Amino acid sequence: MHIPDGYLGPQTYGVFYAIMTPIWFLASKILKKTLKARHAPYLALGAAFSFVIMMFNIPVPGGSTGHAVGGTLIAIILGPWAALMSVSIALIIQALLFGDGGITAIAANCFNMAFIMPFTGYYIYRFLSSGADIASSRRTFAAGTAGYISLNLSAFFTAVEFGIQPLIAHKPDGTPLYAPYTLDVAVPIMAFGHFVFFGFIEAIVTGLVVAYIVRTEPSMLELSSLTPGFVKGRVQKGLKWLWIGIGVLILLTPLGLIASGTAWGEWSSEELLALLGYVPEGLKDLEGLWPSFFTDYNFPGWDNPFMAAAGYIFSALIGVSLIIAIAFLISRFLPAEGRS
């Protein structure tokens, strides 16, 4: 679902920057009022989890790939506004450093995965778990269901953004300038892949983590209401184990290299030429607009399987380290306990 440069025209990606800029501003204002500096490690944890989990590409029949996002899980633990910022941080780092998603499409990708997904997932979870005890297994079911539905909604919005391009941006003869597939192709294909495959991956990931929290320290599901002493005590132990889990995921990221195909809608111009027999002119002009530092989560010249796997792990470490640094900077602007 990482829309690359060239797949959305200026009349589309410009609109999403106009939408997301005030949303990011509002989120920063809300978080400054609702979060304390002690919550910064959880903000970092959420962004790190989203960053790493999106590196696990999963192959599906037909040669395509996809991944989980983690937006709903973060929203359940920290709230939708914190999830919006966490996933946005992950997506921006992926685009700037690793070429995963385009620079022009950052706002559109954040709208789909950092706004639509956390907010819809959070309120679906709240609705399905309403009245349930904090340690109830119904919360696990609610979390998994919310993850499944929210990922599919995110995919639907992405498909619509792809599908409207041939309608609003084309040459006089009708040849598309950007994403080449119309709504009647983009929506069914994206919907099928996420409805049948990736939605269940998101559901399993979200449900398993919430089940772990419910079993070990259910109070983590109410972080905003916890006292500082409690955060430094029992909940801090849960935080430690979740960071250990992130470390394990980092070591396992080379599994994402097993998927040999390209995610639908993320083809290079060479792949599009093979598929269509031409490359849309606008797409060709925007492709490669930003020279990413570690393209495809690898280092230049690290071509053999062992070096590619090492590059994947190092890329994950770089991304997570940068996320932790950003969270630390954000904590400088959050109030300490007892301040408003």
C-alpha atoms as a PDB file:
ATOM      1  CA  MET A   1       0.000   0.000   0.000  1.00  0.00           C
ATOM      2  CA  HIS A   2       3.029   2.291  -0.190  1.00  0.00           C
ATOM      3  CA  ILE A   3       2.138   4.460  -3.178  1.00  0.00           C
ATOM      4  CA  PRO A   4       5.360   5.318  -5.079  1.00  0.00           C
ATOM      5  CA  ASP A   5       6.211   8.576  -6.804  1.00  0.00           C
ATOM      6  CA  GLY A   6       4.521   8.871 -10.173  1.00  0.00           C
ATOM      7  CA  TYR A   7       1.343   6.949  -9.425  1.00  0.00           C
ATOM      8  CA  LEU A   8      -0.610   9.993  -8.229  1.00  0.00           C
ATOM      9  CA  GLY A   9      -0.774  13.224 -10.175  1.00  0.00           C
ATOM     10  CA  PRO A  10      -0.274  16.675  -8.585  1.00  0.00           C
ATOM     11  CA  GLN A  11      -4.034  17.259  -8.462  1.00  0.00           C
ATOM     12  CA  THR A  12      -4.292  14.216  -6.189  1.00  0.00           C
ATOM     13  CA  TYR A  13      -1.168  14.211  -4.023  1.00  0.00           C
ATOM     14  CA  GLY A  14      -1.488  17.984  -3.564  1.00  0.00           C
ATOM     15  CA  VAL A  15      -4.978  17.527  -2.140  1.00  0.00           C
ATOM     16  CA  PHE A  16      -3.720  14.978   0.360  1.00  0.00           C
ATOM     17  CA  TYR A  17      -0.986  17.319   1.578  1.00  0.00           C
ATOM     18  CA  ALA A  18      -3.702  19.936   2.040  1.00  0.00           C
ATOM     19  CA  ILE A  19      -5.747  17.396   4.041  1.00  0.00           C
ATOM     20  CA  MET A  20      -2.957  15.916   6.153  1.00  0.00           C
ATOM     21  CA  THR A  21      -1.126  19.134   7.084  1.00  0.00           C
ATOM     22  CA  PRO A  22      -3.914  20.426   9.373  1.00  0.00           C
ATOM     23  CA  ILE A  23      -4.511  16.883  10.665  1.00  0.00           C
ATOM     24  CA  TRP A  24      -0.840  16.571  11.685  1.00  0.00           C
ATOM     25  CA  PHE A  25      -1.020  20.015  13.288  1.00  0.00           C
ATOM     26  CA  LEU A  26      -4.177  19.089  15.192  1.00  0.00           C
ATOM     27  CA  ALA A  27      -2.625  15.784  16.287  1.00  0.00           C
ATOM     28  CA  SER A  28       0.413  17.600  17.686  1.00  0.00           C
ATOM     29  CA  LYS A  29      -1.849  19.928  19.655  1.00  0.00           C
ATOM     30  CA  ILE A  30      -3.958  17.077  21.022  1.00  0.00           C
ATOM     31  CA  LEU A  31      -0.944  14.960  21.971  1.00  0.00           C
ATOM     32  CA  LYS A  32       0.651  17.883  23.777  1.00  0.00           C
ATOM     33  CA  LYS A  33      -2.490  18.081  25.933  1.00  0.00           C
ATOM     34  CA  THR A  34      -3.128  14.367  26.428  1.00  0.00           C
ATOM     35  CA  LEU A  35       0.326  12.748  26.523  1.00  0.00           C
ATOM     36  CA  LYS A  36       3.057  13.222  29.090  1.00  0.00           C
ATOM     37  CA  ALA A  37       6.800  12.909  28.567  1.00  0.00           C
ATOM     38  CA  ARG A  38       6.627   9.473  30.223  1.00  0.00           C
ATOM     39  CA  HIS A  39       4.528   8.232  27.294  1.00  0.00           C
ATOM     40  CA  ALA A  40       7.272   8.955  24.724  1.00  0.00           C
ATOM     41  CA  PRO A  41       8.736   5.414  24.935  1.00  0.00           C
ATOM     42  CA  TYR A  42       5.335   4.028  23.965  1.00  0.00           C
ATOM     43  CA  LEU A  43       5.126   6.439  21.036  1.00  0.00           C
ATOM     44  CA  ALA A  44       8.543   5.186  19.928  1.00  0.00           C
ATOM     45  CA  LEU A  45       7.474   1.575  20.457  1.00  0.00           C
ATOM     46  CA  GLY A  46       4.395   2.058  18.287  1.00  0.00           C
ATOM     47  CA  ALA A  47       6.314   3.717  15.456  1.00  0.00           C
ATOM     48  CA  ALA A  48       9.084   1.096  15.645  1.00  0.00           C
ATOM     49  CA  PHE A  49       6.566  -1.747  15.544  1.00  0.00           C
ATOM     50  CA  SER A  50       4.801  -0.271  12.519  1.00  0.00           C
ATOM     51  CA  PHE A  51       8.106   0.355  10.744  1.00  0.00           C
ATOM     52  CA  VAL A  52       9.413  -3.171  11.313  1.00  0.00           C
ATOM     53  CA  ILE A  53       6.161  -5.047  10.656  1.00  0.00           C
ATOM     54  CA  MET A  54       5.820  -3.323   7.266  1.00  0.00           C
ATOM     55  CA  MET A  55       9.181  -4.811   6.246  1.00  0.00           C
ATOM     56  CA  PHE A  56       7.685  -8.316   6.329  1.00  0.00           C
ATOM     57  CA  ASN A  57       6.438  -8.681   2.756  1.00  0.00           C
ATOM     58  CA  ILE A  58       4.071 -11.607   2.307  1.00  0.00           C
ATOM     59  CA  PRO A  59       3.724 -13.280  -1.118  1.00  0.00           C
ATOM     60  CA  VAL A  60       0.281 -14.137  -2.488  1.00  0.00           C
ATOM     61  CA  PRO A  61      -0.845 -16.087  -5.560  1.00  0.00           C
ATOM     62  CA  GLY A  62      -0.365 -14.074  -8.723  1.00  0.00           C
ATOM     63  CA  GLY A  63       3.089 -12.784  -7.824  1.00  0.00           C
ATOM     64  CA  SER A  64       2.042  -9.841  -5.670  1.00  0.00           C
ATOM     65  CA  THR A  65       3.023  -9.070  -2.082  1.00  0.00           C
ATOM     66  CA  GLY A  66       1.634  -7.184   0.897  1.00  0.00           C
ATOM     67  CA  HIS A  67       2.204  -6.518   4.579  1.00  0.00           C
ATOM     68  CA  ALA A  68       0.600  -5.675   7.903  1.00  0.00           C
ATOM     69  CA  VAL A  69       0.701  -2.083   9.217  1.00  0.00           C
ATOM     70  CA  GLY A  70      -0.042  -2.166  12.941  1.00  0.00           C
ATOM     71  CA  GLY A  71      -2.050   1.062  12.963  1.00  0.00           C
ATOM     72  CA  THR A  72      -5.034  -0.356  14.821  1.00  0.00           C
ATOM     73  CA  LEU A  73      -2.882  -2.066  17.446  1.00  0.00           C
ATOM     74  CA  ILE A  74      -1.096   1.210  18.226  1.00  0.00           C
ATOM     75  CA  ALA A  75      -4.431   3.041  18.404  1.00  0.00           C
ATOM     76  CA  ILE A  76      -5.824   0.479  20.868  1.00  0.00           C
ATOM     77  CA  ILE A  77      -2.854   0.978  23.198  1.00  0.00           C
ATOM     78  CA  LEU A  78      -2.096   4.693  22.797  1.00  0.00           C
ATOM     79  CA  GLY A  79      -5.213   6.140  21.175  1.00  0.00           C
ATOM     80  CA  PRO A  80      -5.840   7.100  17.535  1.00  0.00           C
ATOM     81  CA  TRP A  81      -4.029  10.446  17.609  1.00  0.00           C
ATOM     82  CA  ALA A  82      -0.840   8.920  18.954  1.00  0.00           C
ATOM     83  CA  ALA A  83      -1.191   6.107  16.408  1.00  0.00           C
ATOM     84  CA  LEU A  84      -1.547   8.665  13.624  1.00  0.00           C
ATOM     85  CA  MET A  85       1.748  10.264  14.614  1.00  0.00           C
ATOM     86  CA  SER A  86       3.520   6.933  15.190  1.00  0.00           C
ATOM     87  CA  VAL A  87       2.585   5.458  11.809  1.00  0.00           C
ATOM     88  CA  SER A  88       3.245   8.799  10.074  1.00  0.00           C
ATOM     89  CA  ILE A  89       6.776   8.852  11.513  1.00  0.00           C
ATOM     90  CA  ALA A  90       7.360   5.300  10.289  1.00  0.00           C
ATOM     91  CA  LEU A  91       6.035   6.070   6.790  1.00  0.00           C
ATOM     92  CA  ILE A  92       8.039   9.284   6.442  1.00  0.00           C
ATOM     93  CA  ILE A  93      11.276   7.545   7.445  1.00  0.00           C
ATOM     94  CA  GLN A  94      10.524   4.708   5.019  1.00  0.00           C
ATOM     95  CA  ALA A  95      10.019   7.172   2.174  1.00  0.00           C
ATOM     96  CA  LEU A  96      12.998   9.434   2.923  1.00  0.00           C
ATOM     97  CA  LEU A  97      15.625   6.813   3.739  1.00  0.00           C
ATOM     98  CA  PHE A  98      14.516   3.604   2.064  1.00  0.00           C
ATOM     99  CA  GLY A  99      12.446   4.603  -0.961  1.00  0.00           C
ATOM    100  CA  ASP A 100       9.436   2.682   0.362  1.00  0.00           C
ATOM    101  CA  GLY A 101       6.640   4.974  -0.770  1.00  0.00           C
ATOM    102  CA  GLY A 102       7.108   8.167  -2.756  1.00  0.00           C
ATOM    103  CA  ILE A 103       7.933  11.646  -1.496  1.00  0.00           C
ATOM    104  CA  THR A 104       5.020  13.133  -3.387  1.00  0.00           C
ATOM    105  CA  ALA A 105       2.746  10.423  -1.957  1.00  0.00           C
ATOM    106  CA  ILE A 106       3.747  10.747   1.723  1.00  0.00           C
ATOM    107  CA  ALA A 107       0.534  12.553   2.630  1.00  0.00           C
ATOM    108  CA  ALA A 108      -1.636  10.093   0.695  1.00  0.00           C
ATOM    109  CA  ASN A 109       0.105   7.108   2.308  1.00  0.00           C
ATOM    110  CA  CYS A 110      -0.288   8.691   5.738  1.00  0.00           C
ATOM    111  CA  PHE A 111      -3.966   9.387   5.071  1.00  0.00           C
ATOM    112  CA  ASN A 112      -4.563   5.743   4.161  1.00  0.00           C
ATOM    113  CA  MET A 113      -2.411   3.976   6.745  1.00  0.00           C
ATOM    114  CA  ALA A 114      -1.911   6.534   9.552  1.00  0.00           C
ATOM    115  CA  PHE A 115      -5.328   8.214   9.561  1.00  0.00           C
ATOM    116  CA  ILE A 116      -8.003   5.953   8.097  1.00  0.00           C
ATOM    117  CA  MET A 117      -6.655   2.767   9.661  1.00  0.00           C
ATOM    118  CA  PRO A 118      -6.022   3.854  13.273  1.00  0.00           C
ATOM    119  CA  PHE A 119      -9.233   5.844  13.600  1.00  0.00           C
ATOM    120  CA  THR A 120     -11.568   3.281  12.066  1.00  0.00           C
ATOM    121  CA  GLY A 121      -9.789   0.440  13.873  1.00  0.00           C
ATOM    122  CA  TYR A 122      -9.894   2.216  17.224  1.00  0.00           C
ATOM    123  CA  TYR A 123     -13.621   2.932  17.137  1.00  0.00           C
ATOM    124  CA  ILE A 124     -14.480  -0.525  15.816  1.00  0.00           C
ATOM    125  CA  TYR A 125     -12.468  -1.972  18.717  1.00  0.00           C
ATOM    126  CA  ARG A 126     -14.190   0.312  21.214  1.00  0.00           C
ATOM    127  CA  PHE A 127     -17.609  -0.670  19.869  1.00  0.00           C
ATOM    128  CA  LEU A 128     -16.950  -4.422  19.878  1.00  0.00           C
ATOM    129  CA  SER A 129     -15.271  -4.402  23.305  1.00  0.00           C
ATOM    130  CA  SER A 130     -17.794  -2.078  24.928  1.00  0.00           C
ATOM    131  CA  GLY A 131     -18.656  -3.275  28.428  1.00  0.00           C
ATOM    132  CA  ALA A 132     -15.984  -5.984  28.434  1.00  0.00           C
ATOM    133  CA  ASP A 133     -13.689  -6.347  31.423  1.00  0.00           C
ATOM    134  CA  ILE A 134     -10.176  -5.103  30.708  1.00  0.00           C
ATOM    135  CA  ALA A 135      -8.849  -8.676  30.917  1.00  0.00           C
ATOM    136  CA  SER A 136     -11.668 -10.176  28.855  1.00  0.00           C
ATOM    137  CA  SER A 137     -10.872 -12.344  25.837  1.00  0.00           C
ATOM    138  CA  ARG A 138     -13.517 -10.350  23.977  1.00  0.00           C
ATOM    139  CA  ARG A 139     -10.946  -7.587  23.709  1.00  0.00           C
ATOM    140  CA  THR A 140      -8.707  -9.930  21.723  1.00  0.00           C
ATOM    141  CA  PHE A 141     -11.548 -10.728  19.334  1.00  0.00           C
ATOM    142  CA  ALA A 142     -12.443  -7.040  19.042  1.00  0.00           C
ATOM    143  CA  ALA A 143      -8.825  -6.119  18.320  1.00  0.00           C
ATOM    144  CA  GLY A 144      -8.388  -8.744  15.610  1.00  0.00           C
ATOM    145  CA  THR A 145     -11.671  -7.811  13.942  1.00  0.00           C
ATOM    146  CA  ALA A 146     -10.815  -4.116  14.072  1.00  0.00           C
ATOM    147  CA  GLY A 147      -7.392  -4.794  12.533  1.00  0.00           C
ATOM    148  CA  TYR A 148      -8.957  -6.801   9.712  1.00  0.00           C
ATOM    149  CA  ILE A 149     -11.641  -4.249   8.832  1.00  0.00           C
ATOM    150  CA  SER A 150      -9.387  -1.203   9.155  1.00  0.00           C
ATOM    151  CA  LEU A 151      -6.688  -2.630   6.871  1.00  0.00           C
ATOM    152  CA  ASN A 152      -9.306  -3.389   4.236  1.00  0.00           C
ATOM    153  CA  LEU A 153     -10.663   0.140   4.484  1.00  0.00           C
ATOM    154  CA  SER A 154      -7.148   1.516   4.085  1.00  0.00           C
ATOM    155  CA  ALA A 155      -6.634  -0.665   1.008  1.00  0.00           C
ATOM    156  CA  PHE A 156      -9.958   0.497  -0.429  1.00  0.00           C
ATOM    157  CA  PHE A 157      -8.980   4.166  -0.176  1.00  0.00           C
ATOM    158  CA  THR A 158      -5.621   3.374  -1.774  1.00  0.00           C
ATOM    159  CA  ALA A 159      -7.343   1.562  -4.640  1.00  0.00           C
ATOM    160  CA  VAL A 160      -9.687   4.494  -5.246  1.00  0.00           C
ATOM    161  CA  GLU A 161      -6.735   6.886  -5.368  1.00  0.00           C
ATOM    162  CA  PHE A 162      -5.081   4.650  -7.961  1.00  0.00           C
ATOM    163  CA  GLY A 163      -8.282   4.104  -9.902  1.00  0.00           C
ATOM    164  CA  ILE A 164      -9.268   7.739 -10.377  1.00  0.00           C
ATOM    165  CA  GLN A 165      -5.941   8.685 -11.993  1.00  0.00           C
ATOM    166  CA  PRO A 166      -6.824   7.566 -15.551  1.00  0.00           C
ATOM    167  CA  LEU A 167     -10.068   9.529 -15.235  1.00  0.00           C
ATOM    168  CA  ILE A 168      -8.568  12.838 -14.113  1.00  0.00           C
ATOM    169  CA  ALA A 169      -5.087  12.776 -15.679  1.00  0.00           C
ATOM    170  CA  HIS A 170      -4.647  11.513 -19.224  1.00  0.00           C
ATOM    171  CA  LYS A 171      -3.419  12.529 -22.652  1.00  0.00           C
ATOM    172  CA  PRO A 172      -5.882  13.690 -25.335  1.00  0.00           C
ATOM    173  CA  ASP A 173      -6.027  10.150 -26.690  1.00  0.00           C
ATOM    174  CA  GLY A 174      -6.963   8.810 -23.222  1.00  0.00           C
ATOM    175  CA  THR A 175      -3.571   7.335 -22.331  1.00  0.00           C
ATOM    176  CA  PRO A 176      -3.098   7.620 -18.536  1.00  0.00           C
ATOM    177  CA  LEU A 177      -0.367   9.931 -17.289  1.00  0.00           C
ATOM    178  CA  TYR A 178       0.025   8.312 -13.867  1.00  0.00           C
ATOM    179  CA  ALA A 179      -1.467   5.128 -12.359  1.00  0.00           C
ATOM    180  CA  PRO A 180      -2.744   3.254 -15.433  1.00  0.00           C
ATOM    181  CA  TYR A 181      -5.545   1.075 -14.026  1.00  0.00           C
ATOM    182  CA  THR A 182      -9.092   2.351 -13.651  1.00  0.00           C
ATOM    183  CA  LEU A 183     -11.435   1.856 -10.700  1.00  0.00           C
ATOM    184  CA  ASP A 184     -12.998  -1.300 -12.138  1.00  0.00           C
ATOM    185  CA  VAL A 185      -9.545  -2.931 -12.018  1.00  0.00           C
ATOM    186  CA  ALA A 186      -7.831  -1.297  -9.031  1.00  0.00           C
ATOM    187  CA  VAL A 187     -10.636  -1.666  -6.487  1.00  0.00           C
ATOM    188  CA  PRO A 188     -11.419  -5.385  -7.029  1.00  0.00           C
ATOM    189  CA  ILE A 189      -7.742  -6.409  -7.107  1.00  0.00           C
ATOM    190  CA  MET A 190      -6.782  -4.441  -3.988  1.00  0.00           C
ATOM    191  CA  ALA A 191      -9.948  -5.528  -2.211  1.00  0.00           C
ATOM    192  CA  PHE A 192      -9.411  -9.201  -3.012  1.00  0.00           C
ATOM    193  CA  GLY A 193      -5.791  -9.297  -1.832  1.00  0.00           C
ATOM    194  CA  HIS A 194      -6.539  -7.612   1.475  1.00  0.00           C
ATOM    195  CA  PHE A 195      -9.916  -9.260   2.061  1.00  0.00           C
ATOM    196  CA  VAL A 196      -8.556 -12.764   1.514  1.00  0.00           C
ATOM    197  CA  PHE A 197      -4.922 -12.517   2.661  1.00  0.00           C
ATOM    198  CA  PHE A 198      -3.482  -9.400   4.243  1.00  0.00           C
ATOM    199  CA  GLY A 199      -6.495  -8.508   6.372  1.00  0.00           C
ATOM    200  CA  PHE A 200      -6.138 -11.821   8.208  1.00  0.00           C
ATOM    201  CA  ILE A 201      -2.420 -11.183   8.776  1.00  0.00           C
ATOM    202  CA  GLU A 202      -3.284  -7.815  10.315  1.00  0.00           C
ATOM    203  CA  ALA A 203      -5.992  -9.454  12.421  1.00  0.00           C
ATOM    204  CA  ILE A 204      -3.641 -12.154  13.698  1.00  0.00           C
ATOM    205  CA  VAL A 205      -0.858  -9.687  14.552  1.00  0.00           C
ATOM    206  CA  THR A 206      -3.243  -7.291  16.308  1.00  0.00           C
ATOM    207  CA  GLY A 207      -5.112 -10.028  18.149  1.00  0.00           C
ATOM    208  CA  LEU A 208      -1.971 -11.844  19.320  1.00  0.00           C
ATOM    209  CA  VAL A 209      -0.345  -8.725  20.767  1.00  0.00           C
ATOM    210  CA  VAL A 210      -3.544  -7.664  22.537  1.00  0.00           C
ATOM    211  CA  ALA A 211      -3.957 -11.223  23.840  1.00  0.00           C
ATOM    212  CA  TYR A 212      -0.419 -11.040  25.242  1.00  0.00           C
ATOM    213  CA  ILE A 213      -1.184  -7.717  26.929  1.00  0.00           C
ATOM    214  CA  VAL A 214      -4.498  -8.983  28.313  1.00  0.00           C
ATOM    215  CA  ARG A 215      -2.747 -12.030  29.746  1.00  0.00           C
ATOM    216  CA  THR A 216       0.349 -10.327  31.154  1.00  0.00           C
ATOM    217  CA  GLU A 217      -0.550  -6.735  31.996  1.00  0.00           C
ATOM    218  CA  PRO A 218      -4.029  -5.630  30.863  1.00  0.00           C
ATOM    219  CA  SER A 219      -3.583  -2.201  32.410  1.00  0.00           C
ATOM    220  CA  MET A 220      -1.384  -1.346  29.419  1.00  0.00           C
ATOM    221  CA  LEU A 221      -4.645  -0.980  27.515  1.00  0.00           C
ATOM    222  CA  GLU A 222      -5.360   2.075  29.679  1.00  0.00           C
ATOM    223  CA  LEU A 223      -1.973   3.778  29.586  1.00  0.00           C
ATOM    224  CA  SER A 224      -3.291   7.328  29.574  1.00  0.00           C
ATOM    225  CA  SER A 225      -4.990   6.817  32.940  1.00  0.00           C
ATOM    226  CA  LEU A 226      -2.062   5.183  34.729  1.00  0.00           C
ATOM    227  CA  THR A 227      -0.116   6.908  37.449  1.00  0.00           C
ATOM    228  CA  PRO A 228       3.598   7.573  36.900  1.00  0.00           C
ATOM    229  CA  GLY A 229       4.559   5.092  39.599  1.00  0.00           C
ATOM    230  CA  PHE A 230       2.563   2.352  37.931  1.00  0.00           C
ATOM    231  CA  VAL A 231       4.159   3.102  34.579  1.00  0.00           C
ATOM    232  CA  LYS A 232       7.588   2.766  36.186  1.00  0.00           C
ATOM    233  CA  GLY A 233       6.558  -0.461  37.885  1.00  0.00           C
ATOM    234  CA  ARG A 234       4.509  -3.308  36.458  1.00  0.00           C
ATOM    235  CA  VAL A 235       3.727  -1.696  33.116  1.00  0.00           C
ATOM    236  CA  GLN A 236       7.412  -0.922  32.607  1.00  0.00           C
ATOM    237  CA  LYS A 237       8.045  -4.677  32.654  1.00  0.00           C
ATOM    238  CA  GLY A 238       5.533  -5.105  29.847  1.00  0.00           C
ATOM    239  CA  LEU A 239       7.274  -2.338  27.918  1.00  0.00           C
ATOM    240  CA  LYS A 240      10.607  -4.156  28.289  1.00  0.00           C
ATOM    241  CA  TRP A 241       9.215  -7.372  26.836  1.00  0.00           C
ATOM    242  CA  LEU A 242       7.565  -5.529  23.964  1.00  0.00           C
ATOM    243  CA  TRP A 243      10.929  -3.932  23.091  1.00  0.00           C
ATOM    244  CA  ILE A 244      12.490  -7.376  23.226  1.00  0.00           C
ATOM    245  CA  GLY A 245       9.797  -8.456  20.774  1.00  0.00           C
ATOM    246  CA  ILE A 246      10.781  -5.584  18.468  1.00  0.00           C
ATOM    247  CA  GLY A 247      14.385  -6.791  18.659  1.00  0.00           C
ATOM    248  CA  VAL A 248      13.343 -10.304  17.658  1.00  0.00           C
ATOM    249  CA  LEU A 249      11.329  -8.930  14.742  1.00  0.00           C
ATOM    250  CA  ILE A 250      14.350  -6.939  13.576  1.00  0.00           C
ATOM    251  CA  LEU A 251      16.440 -10.105  13.461  1.00  0.00           C
ATOM    252  CA  LEU A 252      13.661 -11.843  11.519  1.00  0.00           C
ATOM    253  CA  THR A 253      13.149  -9.058   8.958  1.00  0.00           C
ATOM    254  CA  PRO A 254      15.123 -10.917   6.235  1.00  0.00           C
ATOM    255  CA  LEU A 255      12.078 -13.181   5.997  1.00  0.00           C
ATOM    256  CA  GLY A 256      10.540 -10.265   4.111  1.00  0.00           C
ATOM    257  CA  LEU A 257      12.995 -10.965   1.291  1.00  0.00           C
ATOM    258  CA  ILE A 258      11.334 -14.326   0.600  1.00  0.00           C
ATOM    259  CA  ALA A 259       8.524 -12.541  -1.237  1.00  0.00           C
ATOM    260  CA  SER A 260       9.942 -12.133  -4.720  1.00  0.00           C
ATOM    261  CA  GLY A 261       7.046 -10.297  -6.347  1.00  0.00           C
ATOM    262  CA  THR A 262       6.134  -6.612  -6.359  1.00  0.00           C
ATOM    263  CA  ALA A 263       3.151  -5.266  -4.432  1.00  0.00           C
ATOM    264  CA  TRP A 264       0.267  -4.324  -6.711  1.00  0.00           C
ATOM    265  CA  GLY A 265       0.542  -0.684  -7.721  1.00  0.00           C
ATOM    266  CA  GLU A 266       4.224  -0.380  -6.779  1.00  0.00           C
ATOM    267  CA  TRP A 267       5.851  -1.436 -10.054  1.00  0.00           C
ATOM    268  CA  SER A 268       8.909   0.273 -11.489  1.00  0.00           C
ATOM    269  CA  SER A 269       8.735   1.813 -14.954  1.00  0.00           C
ATOM    270  CA  GLU A 270      10.546  -1.239 -16.348  1.00  0.00           C
ATOM    271  CA  GLU A 271       7.925  -3.558 -14.861  1.00  0.00           C
ATOM    272  CA  LEU A 272       5.112  -1.375 -16.186  1.00  0.00           C
ATOM    273  CA  LEU A 273       6.673  -1.419 -19.637  1.00  0.00           C
ATOM    274  CA  ALA A 274       6.601  -5.217 -19.545  1.00  0.00           C
ATOM    275  CA  LEU A 275       2.994  -5.231 -18.288  1.00  0.00           C
ATOM    276  CA  LEU A 276       1.499  -2.508 -20.482  1.00  0.00           C
ATOM    277  CA  GLY A 277       3.901  -1.999 -23.360  1.00  0.00           C
ATOM    278  CA  TYR A 278       4.348   1.666 -22.361  1.00  0.00           C
ATOM    279  CA  VAL A 279       5.194   3.817 -19.342  1.00  0.00           C
ATOM    280  CA  PRO A 280       2.810   6.670 -18.424  1.00  0.00           C
ATOM    281  CA  GLU A 281       4.623   9.931 -19.102  1.00  0.00           C
ATOM    282  CA  GLY A 282       3.808  11.609 -15.795  1.00  0.00           C
ATOM    283  CA  LEU A 283       4.833   8.521 -13.858  1.00  0.00           C
ATOM    284  CA  LYS A 284       8.144   8.367 -15.705  1.00  0.00           C
ATOM    285  CA  ASP A 285       8.839  12.038 -14.925  1.00  0.00           C
ATOM    286  CA  LEU A 286       8.218  11.629 -11.188  1.00  0.00           C
ATOM    287  CA  GLU A 287       9.861   8.241 -10.706  1.00  0.00           C
ATOM    288  CA  GLY A 288      13.129   8.539  -8.827  1.00  0.00           C
ATOM    289  CA  LEU A 289      12.330  12.091  -7.731  1.00  0.00           C
ATOM    290  CA  TRP A 290      13.997  11.449  -4.361  1.00  0.00           C
ATOM    291  CA  PRO A 291      17.307   9.532  -4.222  1.00  0.00           C
ATOM    292  CA  SER A 292      16.760   7.314  -1.172  1.00  0.00           C
ATOM    293  CA  PHE A 293      19.821   6.422   0.875  1.00  0.00           C
ATOM    294  CA  PHE A 294      19.119   2.706   1.360  1.00  0.00           C
ATOM    295  CA  THR A 295      16.861   1.720  -1.515  1.00  0.00           C
ATOM    296  CA  ASP A 296      14.775  -1.387  -0.786  1.00  0.00           C
ATOM    297  CA  TYR A 297      16.300  -1.587   2.710  1.00  0.00           C
ATOM    298  CA  ASN A 298      19.744  -2.465   1.429  1.00  0.00           C
ATOM    299  CA  PHE A 299      23.181  -1.004   0.834  1.00  0.00           C
ATOM    300  CA  PRO A 300      24.694  -0.465  -2.625  1.00  0.00           C
ATOM    301  CA  GLY A 301      26.623  -3.524  -3.749  1.00  0.00           C
ATOM    302  CA  TRP A 302      25.167  -5.859  -1.156  1.00  0.00           C
ATOM    303  CA  ASP A 303      23.724  -8.163  -3.771  1.00  0.00           C
ATOM    304  CA  ASN A 304      24.231 -11.729  -2.590  1.00  0.00           C
ATOM    305  CA  PRO A 305      21.564 -13.265  -0.319  1.00  0.00           C
ATOM    306  CA  PHE A 306      23.649 -13.107   2.850  1.00  0.00           C
ATOM    307  CA  MET A 307      24.566  -9.421   2.369  1.00  0.00           C
ATOM    308  CA  ALA A 308      20.978  -8.572   1.385  1.00  0.00           C
ATOM    309  CA  ALA A 309      19.746 -10.169   4.621  1.00  0.00           C
ATOM    310  CA  ALA A 310      22.349  -8.231   6.608  1.00  0.00           C
ATOM    311  CA  GLY A 311      21.299  -5.043   4.816  1.00  0.00           C
ATOM    312  CA  TYR A 312      17.698  -5.669   5.774  1.00  0.00           C
ATOM    313  CA  ILE A 313      18.627  -6.053   9.459  1.00  0.00           C
ATOM    314  CA  PHE A 314      20.871  -2.981   9.425  1.00  0.00           C
ATOM    315  CA  SER A 315      18.118  -0.979   7.723  1.00  0.00           C
ATOM    316  CA  ALA A 316      15.667  -2.009  10.432  1.00  0.00           C
ATOM    317  CA  LEU A 317      18.177  -0.987  13.114  1.00  0.00           C
ATOM    318  CA  ILE A 318      18.747   2.369  11.425  1.00  0.00           C
ATOM    319  CA  GLY A 319      15.018   3.012  11.111  1.00  0.00           C
ATOM    320  CA  VAL A 320      14.222   2.038  14.698  1.00  0.00           C
ATOM    321  CA  SER A 321      17.171   4.051  16.061  1.00  0.00           C
ATOM    322  CA  LEU A 322      15.975   7.117  14.184  1.00  0.00           C
ATOM    323  CA  ILE A 323      12.440   6.582  15.498  1.00  0.00           C
ATOM    324  CA  ILE A 324      13.745   6.425  19.088  1.00  0.00           C
ATOM    325  CA  ALA A 325      15.683   9.663  18.524  1.00  0.00           C
ATOM    326  CA  ILE A 326      12.586  11.385  17.130  1.00  0.00           C
ATOM    327  CA  ALA A 327      10.487  10.167  20.075  1.00  0.00           C
ATOM    328  CA  PHE A 328      13.099  11.568  22.461  1.00  0.00           C
ATOM    329  CA  LEU A 329      12.900  14.953  20.712  1.00  0.00           C
ATOM    330  CA  ILE A 330       9.103  14.863  20.883  1.00  0.00           C
ATOM    331  CA  SER A 331       9.287  14.124  24.623  1.00  0.00           C
ATOM    332  CA  ARG A 332      11.117  17.444  25.083  1.00  0.00           C
ATOM    333  CA  PHE A 333       7.926  19.211  23.988  1.00  0.00           C
ATOM    334  CA  LEU A 334       5.542  17.091  26.079  1.00  0.00           C
ATOM    335  CA  PRO A 335       4.675  18.192  29.595  1.00  0.00           C
ATOM    336  CA  ALA A 336       6.175  16.375  32.551  1.00  0.00           C
ATOM    337  CA  GLU A 337       3.850  14.915  35.172  1.00  0.00           C
ATOM    338  CA  GLY A 338       1.960  17.542  37.067  1.00  0.00           C
ATOM    339  CA  ARG A 339       2.214  20.155  34.304  1.00  0.00           C
ATOM    340  CA  SER A 340      -0.555  20.975  31.860  1.00  0.00           C
END
